[in-house]
Structures are given as C-alpha cells and as structure tokens.
Amino acid sequence: MSWLRKVSCRLDAWRRARVAWKEDNARCRAESKAARACEKVPEHPGAPPTGFALLPWLLMGLGAFSNIFQGKAPNPVIGGLGLLTFNSLYIYVAFRAFDKEKRQATSTRVALVLMGLLTCGLAIGYGDNWLLFFPLLGLATGAVVRGRWLGRIGLGLSALAGLVSAVHDGWNGINIAYGTFLSTMVTAAILSLSEAVRELQAAREELAHRAVEKERMRFSRDLHDLLGHTMSVIVVKSEAARRLAPRDMAAALTQVADIESVGRQALTEIREAVTGYREGSLGTELEGARSALSAAGIDPVVRQSGPPLAPQNEALLGWVVREAVTNAVRHSGATRCEITVDGTADRVRLRVTDNGTGTSVTGPAEGIGGTGLKGLTERLAAAGGSLRAGPSPRGGFTVTAELPVDGALPVEQGDLPTEQAELSLSTAPRAD
C-alpha cells in the first residue's frame, strides 16, 4: 500500500500549494488595489507562478474526453488510459517547470519525452480532437525548455505535429503545427520574461539592502571617529586642568572652558553626521590638532603650503588629521608632532609624524567595521588616493595620505571594498 501513501502525500502537497497560491494571489490583488488607489506602482510584480497557472489549458482535452464518454472513440479503455496518463504527465511537468533545478532534472525531460510519444500515438490512433494534445505538448515544452535549444525543439515539434496531423486531416495539419509552434514559443517567452522581472526585483531589493548596510557602516564609522577623537581631547584636557588647578587656577579654568567648547562642537558634529551632511574643514581640524597636542604636552608643528583645496579633499584630509592626532595623543608617548600639508596642481599630500615609540598599545576595535585607519584607507581609495602608516625610519610613527586634486568623492561615499586601498601597515600599527 506504499503507492497509495505516496499518492496521498502528493495530493496533500498539491492541496497545500493551491492554498498558498490562492493566498499569494489575494495578497497581490490587495496590494495592487491599494497601489492604484494611491496612484503608485505596486512594489511586487505579482504572486510567484506555480503549476496551477498551466492547469486550465487541460480543458483543451475535453473534446477527447467527450469522444470517450459518448462512445465515439474506438478502444475507449486504451483511450481513457492514454488520456489519464497524458494529463498526469502534464501536471507533473507543469509543477516542475517553475523550479530551475527541477526543470533541468532528467526526470522532467523523460516525462516530456513520454508525453511526446504518447501524444503521437493517440493522435495517429484517434485523430480529430486528439490532435489538440500537440498544442498542449508544445505548452509543456515551452515551460520546460529554455535557451538556444528552444527554437530548434519548437520547430521540430511543430513539424512533427504537422506531419502526424496530415495523416488524418491533410492540409488542416498546418493549423495544428502552427498552434503547436505558437503555444511553445509564447509560453517560453512569457515565463522567461516573468523570471527576468522577478530576478530584477530581487536584485533591486538586494541593492537596497546593501545601501542600508553601507549607510549603517558610514554612520558607525563616523560616530567612532568623532567620539574617539573628542573623548581623547576631553580626557587630555581634563588631566591638564587637574594638574594646573593647584598652582594656576586661571589656566585650569581655560582648559575647562576648552572642554566645554569641545563637547558642544562634538554635539554639533554628531547631529551633522546623523543627517549625513557633515563637511569637515582642514583648517578647523589643524587648529583642533594644535590644541589637543598642546594639552597632551606634545609640541605641535604645522606647515601648510600649496593652492586651496576642494571641499571634498579638505574633508578627507581633516579625517586623517583627526585620526592621526588622536592616535599620537593616546599611544605615542611623543614630545613633538609635525603635520605637513603639501599641495601641487595634481596631488595633495598630508604627513603626520611624531617622535614617539612607534608601537601600539591597543589593537583594532572588534566588531566595528570601517573605523580608524582602515576606514580612512577605504575613503581615500574611493577618491583615487592612498594611505600609508607605519614606524618611521628615524623613530616615531608616520601617517601619509595622498589625494588627487580633482578626484575626491564626498565623504559619505567612501564605503568601498578595502581591496582598492593602498594601505601599507607595518607590524603593530596604532590604528583603532
């Protein structure tokens, strides 16, 4: 009785598929109605296609069934078995035609060949309404066969249908051949177009998902860079105020006022980063670097030459200054830090060098993508530039950034793959 159990399971699967198909159709009709009411294009192209979309075409076999029922067909038992077998094979192929793996499976192709042999036998033996099984065979063929073999198979099947039909109907076999060719090609074209539309829809959703992920990375990276620099400056200035308070209250109050100013500026920058419109100024970052280095007991030396820079270049180099100075204050143990900006007609170079130990006390932050020197490398690489960082030959640590004068992109667009970068970090870098 195992075959009865298999048939029962198959019927249950078809019943569940039919319920899901009806639910999908109802949902898509509701979405389309709501979209039309709002004068918008529906987001989804429709319910996923299933074999139920091809089942109504089995009504073309009602003429053959009528012949058997009315006793007009010789050997009605053989005709009935042939009709049942053809319909079963057709349903089997139809439900496998919408899954690429099942469609290309050997069992599906074998079922299609058996349909062809059975159609030829029934058409030759009975003729008349039984010839309409050829267009049904063409429809199943168009649903299964795709690609460069479709035209050849469609023409061969149409020629076969015309020859077999000519045995009974003479020149009327041309109509059967035409119907077979039309059903084959139109079915293949409609189903291929439907698959293409759904693939495009899936690609659009994937691109939207990636855009959201890139924006999240940009947001987390900007917050990391902003807060890391700001908190480092606040800590350094707080320590300076604590040291100065016992002997020079005025100087200590100056440091406290700087802390308040840095905090307010950080709030403004965070709001701008959230809205995505932050544009850094290199001059502002250089002044902030002087203040942070001085408060940390590091002698700042700033040199700037060359023509004025584009806002995009200033924003990118401002981020490099912020990150390099933050690392110098936190990790270097240096007493002197030089910041040099050299600009030419083609490229601009920024170099931040300290005379510290040239080693790191902390590694990169775990779980944060696109932060520190890594994030800066991606930003500069996206703008056609490069970033190099490592111990200096004479001691200390050096960060060098180069950018083309006309090649920079907006800061928010710097989230590109790291393989485009030219980062050359030696052992134990000081990047967060």
Protein backbone atom coordinates (compact mmCIF):
# COMPACT_ATOMS: atom_id res chain seq x y z
CA MET A 1 0.00 0.00 0.00
CA SER A 2 3.05 2.25 -0.16
CA TRP A 3 1.95 3.60 -3.55
CA LEU A 4 -1.34 4.76 -2.03
CA ARG A 5 0.60 6.59 0.68
CA LYS A 6 2.76 8.30 -1.98
CA VAL A 7 -0.31 9.35 -3.95
CA SER A 8 -1.93 10.69 -0.77
CA CYS A 9 1.22 12.67 0.11
CA ARG A 10 1.37 14.05 -3.43
CA LEU A 11 -2.28 15.14 -3.27
CA ASP A 12 -1.68 16.81 0.10
CA ALA A 13 1.32 18.68 -1.32
CA TRP A 14 -0.74 19.89 -4.30
CA ARG A 15 -3.54 20.94 -1.94
CA ARG A 16 -1.12 22.99 0.19
CA ALA A 17 0.43 24.52 -2.91
CA ARG A 18 -3.01 25.51 -4.18
CA VAL A 19 -3.88 27.17 -0.86
CA ALA A 20 -0.58 29.08 -0.86
CA TRP A 21 -1.13 30.12 -4.48
CA LYS A 22 -4.60 31.46 -3.70
CA GLU A 23 -3.28 33.36 -0.66
CA ASP A 24 -0.48 34.91 -2.74
CA ASN A 25 -2.96 35.95 -5.43
CA ALA A 26 -5.27 37.51 -2.85
CA ARG A 27 -2.37 39.40 -1.27
CA CYS A 28 -1.11 40.68 -4.63
CA ARG A 29 -4.61 41.77 -5.67
CA ALA A 30 -4.96 43.69 -2.39
CA GLU A 31 -1.53 45.33 -2.88
CA SER A 32 -2.36 46.26 -6.48
CA LYS A 33 -5.71 47.72 -5.44
CA ALA A 34 -4.08 49.79 -2.69
CA ALA A 35 -1.36 50.95 -5.08
CA ARG A 36 -3.91 52.01 -7.69
CA ALA A 37 -5.85 53.92 -5.04
CA CYS A 38 -2.66 55.81 -4.15
CA GLU A 39 -1.67 56.17 -7.83
CA LYS A 40 1.55 54.25 -7.23
CA VAL A 41 3.18 51.30 -8.95
CA PRO A 42 2.87 48.08 -6.92
CA GLU A 43 6.18 47.14 -5.33
CA HIS A 44 5.90 43.45 -6.20
CA PRO A 45 5.16 42.24 -9.75
CA GLY A 46 2.68 39.59 -8.63
CA ALA A 47 2.32 36.25 -6.95
CA PRO A 48 5.03 33.64 -7.58
CA PRO A 49 3.99 31.48 -10.57
CA THR A 50 3.17 27.82 -9.96
CA GLY A 51 1.91 24.89 -11.98
CA PHE A 52 -1.68 25.96 -11.30
CA ALA A 53 -1.21 28.68 -13.92
CA LEU A 54 -0.88 25.97 -16.61
CA LEU A 55 -3.65 23.65 -15.46
CA PRO A 56 -6.58 25.48 -17.15
CA TRP A 57 -5.13 24.57 -20.55
CA LEU A 58 -6.06 20.94 -19.86
CA LEU A 59 -9.57 21.95 -20.91
CA MET A 60 -8.33 21.52 -24.47
CA GLY A 61 -8.61 17.77 -23.85
CA LEU A 62 -12.34 17.91 -23.15
CA GLY A 63 -13.03 17.03 -26.77
CA ALA A 64 -11.12 13.76 -26.43
CA PHE A 65 -12.88 13.03 -23.14
CA SER A 66 -16.23 13.70 -24.82
CA ASN A 67 -15.40 11.21 -27.56
CA ILE A 68 -14.69 8.53 -24.97
CA PHE A 69 -17.76 9.37 -22.90
CA GLN A 70 -20.05 9.29 -25.94
CA GLY A 71 -18.53 6.05 -27.26
CA LYS A 72 -17.24 7.66 -30.47
CA ALA A 73 -13.65 6.59 -29.83
CA PRO A 74 -12.60 3.01 -30.63
CA ASN A 75 -10.97 1.11 -27.77
CA PRO A 76 -12.23 3.53 -25.11
CA VAL A 77 -10.26 1.78 -22.36
CA ILE A 78 -6.97 2.41 -24.15
CA GLY A 79 -8.08 5.96 -24.95
CA GLY A 80 -9.08 6.59 -21.33
CA LEU A 81 -5.78 5.25 -20.02
CA GLY A 82 -3.90 7.34 -22.57
CA LEU A 83 -5.85 10.46 -21.58
CA LEU A 84 -5.23 9.83 -17.86
CA THR A 85 -1.53 9.20 -18.45
CA PHE A 86 -1.12 12.33 -20.58
CA ASN A 87 -2.87 14.52 -18.01
CA SER A 88 -0.76 13.04 -15.19
CA LEU A 89 2.47 13.67 -17.10
CA TYR A 90 1.32 17.19 -18.00
CA ILE A 91 0.57 18.03 -14.34
CA TYR A 92 3.91 16.55 -13.27
CA VAL A 93 5.82 18.64 -15.82
CA ALA A 94 3.79 21.79 -15.11
CA PHE A 95 4.56 21.78 -11.39
CA ARG A 96 8.26 21.20 -12.02
CA ALA A 97 8.60 23.86 -14.71
CA PHE A 98 8.79 26.79 -12.25
CA ASP A 99 11.77 25.46 -10.30
CA LYS A 100 15.06 25.73 -12.19
CA GLU A 101 16.66 22.65 -10.65
CA LYS A 102 13.56 20.50 -11.10
CA ARG A 103 13.02 21.87 -14.63
CA GLN A 104 16.52 20.81 -15.67
CA ALA A 105 16.30 17.43 -13.95
CA THR A 106 16.47 14.27 -16.04
CA SER A 107 13.12 13.03 -14.73
CA THR A 108 11.38 16.14 -16.11
CA ARG A 109 12.95 15.68 -19.54
CA VAL A 110 12.00 11.99 -19.54
CA ALA A 111 8.40 12.89 -18.64
CA LEU A 112 8.36 15.38 -21.54
CA VAL A 113 9.64 12.74 -23.98
CA LEU A 114 7.00 10.27 -22.77
CA MET A 115 4.35 12.96 -23.34
CA GLY A 116 5.61 13.37 -26.90
CA LEU A 117 5.47 9.65 -27.63
CA LEU A 118 2.02 9.30 -26.07
CA THR A 119 0.72 12.33 -27.99
CA CYS A 120 1.94 10.89 -31.29
CA GLY A 121 0.34 7.52 -30.54
CA LEU A 122 -3.03 8.98 -29.52
CA ALA A 123 -3.04 11.42 -32.48
CA ILE A 124 -2.27 8.68 -35.01
CA GLY A 125 -4.73 6.22 -33.45
CA TYR A 126 -7.68 8.60 -32.95
CA GLY A 127 -7.14 11.88 -34.82
CA ASP A 128 -9.87 14.56 -34.65
CA ASN A 129 -9.98 16.21 -31.18
CA TRP A 130 -7.00 14.14 -30.03
CA LEU A 131 -4.76 16.24 -32.29
CA LEU A 132 -5.19 19.14 -29.84
CA PHE A 133 -2.80 17.36 -27.49
CA PHE A 134 0.04 18.66 -29.68
CA PRO A 135 -0.51 22.31 -28.62
CA LEU A 136 -0.69 21.08 -25.02
CA LEU A 137 2.60 19.26 -25.56
CA GLY A 138 4.04 22.49 -27.01
CA LEU A 139 2.90 24.42 -23.95
CA ALA A 140 4.63 21.95 -21.62
CA THR A 141 7.73 22.04 -23.81
CA GLY A 142 7.86 25.85 -23.72
CA ALA A 143 7.54 25.77 -19.94
CA VAL A 144 10.49 23.40 -19.56
CA VAL A 145 12.90 24.11 -22.42
CA ARG A 146 14.75 27.46 -22.39
CA GLY A 147 17.81 28.91 -24.09
CA ARG A 148 19.28 28.29 -27.52
CA TRP A 149 17.65 24.87 -27.95
CA LEU A 150 14.14 26.28 -27.67
CA GLY A 151 13.85 27.38 -31.32
CA ARG A 152 15.12 24.09 -32.73
CA ILE A 153 12.93 21.98 -30.47
CA GLY A 154 9.92 24.21 -31.15
CA LEU A 155 10.34 23.94 -34.93
CA GLY A 156 10.94 20.17 -34.75
CA LEU A 157 7.88 19.61 -32.56
CA SER A 158 5.73 21.76 -34.86
CA ALA A 159 6.91 19.82 -37.91
CA LEU A 160 6.14 16.54 -36.15
CA ALA A 161 2.67 17.80 -35.20
CA GLY A 162 2.01 18.86 -38.79
CA LEU A 163 3.09 15.51 -40.25
CA VAL A 164 1.09 13.41 -37.78
CA SER A 165 -1.99 15.63 -38.21
CA ALA A 166 -1.72 15.40 -42.00
CA VAL A 167 -2.38 11.66 -41.74
CA HIS A 168 -5.96 12.40 -40.63
CA ASP A 169 -6.73 15.96 -41.69
CA GLY A 170 -4.49 16.54 -44.70
CA TRP A 171 -3.67 20.21 -45.15
CA ASN A 172 -5.53 21.08 -41.95
CA GLY A 173 -2.47 19.71 -40.17
CA ILE A 174 -0.86 23.10 -40.83
CA ASN A 175 -3.21 24.62 -38.25
CA ILE A 176 -2.11 22.09 -35.64
CA ALA A 177 1.54 22.74 -36.48
CA TYR A 178 1.02 26.49 -36.18
CA GLY A 179 -0.84 26.13 -32.88
CA THR A 180 1.91 23.89 -31.52
CA PHE A 181 4.66 26.32 -32.51
CA LEU A 182 2.74 29.30 -31.13
CA SER A 183 1.99 27.65 -27.78
CA THR A 184 5.63 26.57 -27.40
CA MET A 185 7.22 29.93 -28.14
CA VAL A 186 4.66 32.14 -26.39
CA THR A 187 4.74 30.06 -23.20
CA ALA A 188 8.54 30.13 -23.14
CA ALA A 189 8.61 33.89 -23.78
CA ILE A 190 6.06 34.72 -21.07
CA LEU A 191 7.65 32.52 -18.44
CA SER A 192 11.17 33.74 -19.27
CA LEU A 193 10.02 37.36 -19.05
CA SER A 194 8.31 36.64 -15.73
CA GLU A 195 11.51 35.11 -14.34
CA ALA A 196 13.55 38.08 -15.56
CA VAL A 197 11.19 40.53 -13.86
CA ARG A 198 11.41 38.64 -10.59
CA GLU A 199 15.20 38.41 -10.79
CA LEU A 200 15.34 42.17 -11.35
CA GLN A 201 13.04 42.68 -8.38
CA ALA A 202 15.28 40.50 -6.22
CA ALA A 203 18.36 42.40 -7.45
CA ARG A 204 16.71 45.73 -6.60
CA GLU A 205 15.88 44.53 -3.11
CA GLU A 206 19.46 43.30 -2.68
CA LEU A 207 20.85 46.65 -3.80
CA ALA A 208 18.53 48.45 -1.38
CA HIS A 209 19.69 46.14 1.42
CA ARG A 210 23.33 46.84 0.58
CA ALA A 211 22.68 50.58 0.51
CA VAL A 212 21.21 50.35 4.01
CA GLU A 213 24.23 48.35 5.18
CA LYS A 214 26.62 50.90 3.68
CA GLU A 215 24.77 53.74 5.40
CA ARG A 216 24.94 51.89 8.71
CA MET A 217 28.67 51.40 8.24
CA ARG A 218 29.13 55.07 7.40
CA PHE A 219 27.16 56.09 10.45
CA SER A 220 29.03 53.76 12.84
CA ARG A 221 32.39 54.77 11.37
CA ASP A 222 31.68 58.50 11.67
CA LEU A 223 30.46 58.14 15.24
CA HIS A 224 33.56 56.11 16.12
CA ASP A 225 35.89 58.69 14.62
CA LEU A 226 34.03 61.66 16.09
CA LEU A 227 33.64 60.26 19.59
CA GLY A 228 37.11 58.69 19.70
CA HIS A 229 38.80 61.99 18.90
CA THR A 230 36.51 64.07 21.11
CA MET A 231 36.79 61.82 24.14
CA SER A 232 40.58 61.70 23.77
CA VAL A 233 40.74 65.51 23.73
CA ILE A 234 38.40 65.76 26.74
CA VAL A 235 40.47 63.26 28.72
CA VAL A 236 43.74 65.05 27.91
CA LYS A 237 42.36 68.49 28.75
CA SER A 238 40.77 67.16 31.97
CA GLU A 239 44.14 65.78 33.06
CA ALA A 240 45.77 69.13 32.21
CA ALA A 241 43.11 71.00 34.24
CA ARG A 242 43.65 68.67 37.20
CA ARG A 243 47.41 69.24 37.10
CA LEU A 244 47.07 73.02 36.74
CA ALA A 245 44.35 73.58 39.36
CA PRO A 246 46.60 73.52 42.49
CA ARG A 247 49.05 76.13 41.15
CA ASP A 248 47.31 78.08 38.33
CA MET A 249 43.53 78.25 38.60
CA ALA A 250 43.20 80.62 35.61
CA ALA A 251 44.99 78.18 33.31
CA ALA A 252 42.89 75.32 34.70
CA LEU A 253 39.69 77.25 34.01
CA THR A 254 40.91 77.85 30.45
CA GLN A 255 41.26 74.09 29.98
CA VAL A 256 37.77 73.58 31.46
CA ALA A 257 36.38 76.14 29.01
CA ASP A 258 38.09 74.24 26.19
CA ILE A 259 36.45 71.03 27.39
CA GLU A 260 33.05 72.72 27.26
CA SER A 261 33.77 74.02 23.76
CA VAL A 262 34.92 70.59 22.56
CA GLY A 263 31.78 68.98 23.99
CA ARG A 264 29.48 71.46 22.27
CA GLN A 265 31.33 71.03 18.99
CA ALA A 266 31.06 67.24 19.34
CA LEU A 267 27.28 67.51 19.78
CA THR A 268 27.05 69.61 16.61
CA GLU A 269 29.22 67.18 14.64
CA ILE A 270 27.23 64.17 15.80
CA ARG A 271 23.97 65.81 14.70
CA GLU A 272 25.53 66.58 11.30
CA ALA A 273 26.86 63.03 11.00
CA VAL A 274 23.39 61.62 11.73
CA THR A 275 21.86 63.68 8.94
CA GLY A 276 24.74 62.79 6.61
CA TYR A 277 25.73 66.36 5.71
CA ARG A 278 28.95 66.78 7.65
CA GLU A 279 31.72 68.54 5.66
CA GLY A 280 34.99 68.80 7.55
CA SER A 281 37.32 71.76 7.29
CA LEU A 282 41.04 71.07 7.22
CA GLY A 283 41.80 74.41 8.87
CA THR A 284 39.44 73.63 11.74
CA GLU A 285 40.97 70.19 12.23
CA LEU A 286 44.50 71.64 12.23
CA GLU A 287 43.54 74.14 14.94
CA GLY A 288 41.91 71.36 16.95
CA ALA A 289 45.05 69.25 16.50
CA ARG A 290 47.23 72.06 17.85
CA SER A 291 45.01 72.39 20.91
CA ALA A 292 44.86 68.64 21.59
CA LEU A 293 48.61 68.14 21.16
CA SER A 294 49.46 71.11 23.37
CA ALA A 295 47.14 69.90 26.12
CA ALA A 296 48.84 66.48 25.97
CA GLY A 297 52.30 68.04 26.38
CA ILE A 298 53.24 67.39 22.74
CA ASP A 299 54.85 70.25 20.80
CA PRO A 300 52.76 70.78 17.60
CA VAL A 301 54.42 71.89 14.35
CA VAL A 302 52.01 72.63 11.50
CA ARG A 303 53.12 73.53 7.98
CA GLN A 304 50.73 74.09 5.07
CA SER A 305 51.54 75.08 1.51
CA GLY A 306 50.06 74.85 -1.95
CA PRO A 307 46.85 76.05 -3.62
CA PRO A 308 43.43 75.98 -1.92
CA LEU A 309 41.85 72.54 -1.72
CA ALA A 310 38.44 71.38 -2.82
CA PRO A 311 35.89 70.86 0.00
CA GLN A 312 35.93 67.10 -0.58
CA ASN A 313 39.72 66.94 -0.22
CA GLU A 314 39.62 69.10 2.88
CA ALA A 315 37.02 66.82 4.44
CA LEU A 316 39.03 63.67 3.77
CA LEU A 317 42.34 65.13 4.96
CA GLY A 318 40.56 66.54 8.02
CA TRP A 319 39.55 62.99 8.95
CA VAL A 320 43.16 61.84 8.54
CA VAL A 321 44.44 64.65 10.79
CA ARG A 322 41.80 63.82 13.41
CA GLU A 323 42.64 60.11 13.47
CA ALA A 324 46.43 60.50 13.35
CA VAL A 325 46.49 63.13 16.11
CA THR A 326 44.13 61.06 18.27
CA ASN A 327 46.49 58.07 17.97
CA ALA A 328 49.50 60.26 18.71
CA VAL A 329 47.87 61.67 21.86
CA ARG A 330 46.69 58.30 23.13
CA HIS A 331 49.53 55.93 22.23
CA SER A 332 52.73 57.59 21.04
CA GLY A 333 54.36 58.95 24.18
CA ALA A 334 55.85 61.61 21.86
CA THR A 335 57.09 65.09 22.71
CA ARG A 336 56.82 66.51 19.18
CA CYS A 337 54.36 66.04 16.31
CA GLU A 338 54.72 67.54 12.83
CA ILE A 339 51.77 67.98 10.49
CA THR A 340 52.70 68.90 6.91
CA VAL A 341 50.31 69.64 4.04
CA ASP A 342 51.92 69.98 0.58
CA GLY A 343 49.74 70.74 -2.42
CA THR A 344 50.58 70.79 -6.14
CA ALA A 345 48.49 71.24 -9.25
CA ASP A 346 47.84 67.48 -9.45
CA ARG A 347 48.05 65.98 -5.96
CA VAL A 348 47.99 66.94 -2.31
CA ARG A 349 49.94 65.15 0.41
CA LEU A 350 49.40 65.14 4.17
CA ARG A 351 52.03 63.77 6.52
CA VAL A 352 51.67 63.42 10.31
CA THR A 353 54.90 62.40 12.07
CA ASP A 354 55.70 62.05 15.77
CA ASN A 355 58.87 61.13 17.66
CA GLY A 356 57.23 58.59 19.92
CA THR A 357 57.81 54.87 20.35
CA GLY A 358 56.27 53.92 17.01
CA THR A 359 54.35 50.99 18.52
CA SER A 360 50.76 50.41 19.53
CA VAL A 361 49.35 49.65 22.94
CA THR A 362 45.94 48.66 21.64
CA GLY A 363 44.74 46.84 18.56
CA PRO A 364 41.83 47.50 16.27
CA ALA A 365 38.39 47.64 17.84
CA GLU A 366 36.48 44.40 17.50
CA GLY A 367 33.05 44.35 15.91
CA ILE A 368 33.33 47.79 14.30
CA GLY A 369 33.68 47.88 10.53
CA GLY A 370 35.34 50.71 8.65
CA THR A 371 36.92 52.52 11.62
CA GLY A 372 40.28 54.11 12.28
CA LEU A 373 42.99 53.89 9.63
CA LYS A 374 41.13 51.09 7.87
CA GLY A 375 38.08 53.27 7.32
CA LEU A 376 40.28 56.17 6.20
CA THR A 377 42.05 53.89 3.74
CA GLU A 378 38.72 52.96 2.17
CA ARG A 379 37.65 56.60 1.95
CA LEU A 380 40.87 57.72 0.28
CA ALA A 381 40.92 54.72 -2.05
CA ALA A 382 37.39 55.59 -3.18
CA ALA A 383 38.65 59.08 -4.06
CA GLY A 384 41.64 57.74 -6.01
CA GLY A 385 44.12 58.36 -3.18
CA SER A 386 46.16 56.25 -0.78
CA LEU A 387 47.06 56.00 2.90
CA ARG A 388 50.30 54.64 4.35
CA ALA A 389 51.05 54.26 8.05
CA GLY A 390 53.91 52.75 10.00
CA PRO A 391 57.00 53.36 12.13
CA SER A 392 59.40 55.98 10.78
CA PRO A 393 63.00 55.03 9.89
CA ARG A 394 64.29 57.57 12.45
CA GLY A 395 61.82 56.52 15.14
CA GLY A 396 58.28 57.51 15.81
CA PHE A 397 55.22 56.91 13.70
CA THR A 398 54.20 58.41 10.35
CA VAL A 399 50.85 58.60 8.59
CA THR A 400 50.93 59.75 4.96
CA ALA A 401 47.84 60.46 2.87
CA GLU A 402 47.77 61.42 -0.80
CA LEU A 403 44.84 62.57 -2.91
CA PRO A 404 44.36 63.74 -6.50
CA VAL A 405 43.26 67.35 -6.58
CA ASP A 406 40.16 66.65 -8.72
CA GLY A 407 39.45 63.03 -7.77
CA ALA A 408 37.83 63.18 -4.36
CA LEU A 409 34.30 61.97 -3.72
CA PRO A 410 32.02 63.17 -0.93
CA VAL A 411 32.95 61.79 2.46
CA GLU A 412 29.72 59.83 2.76
CA GLN A 413 30.56 57.81 -0.35
CA GLY A 414 33.79 56.33 0.94
CA ASP A 415 32.44 52.90 1.83
CA LEU A 416 34.10 50.86 -0.88
CA PRO A 417 35.86 47.49 -0.71
CA THR A 418 39.21 47.51 1.05
CA GLU A 419 40.98 45.77 -1.82
CA GLN A 420 41.04 49.14 -3.62
CA ALA A 421 43.15 50.61 -0.84
CA GLU A 422 46.89 51.07 -0.79
CA LEU A 423 47.38 50.72 2.94
CA SER A 424 50.88 49.56 3.87
CA LEU A 425 50.88 48.99 7.63
CA SER A 426 53.93 47.60 9.30
CA THR A 427 53.75 45.37 12.34
CA ALA A 428 51.79 46.59 15.33
CA PRO A 429 50.12 49.71 13.89
CA ARG A 430 48.48 52.21 16.16
CA ALA A 431 45.07 52.19 14.39
CA ASP A 432 41.88 51.87 16.41
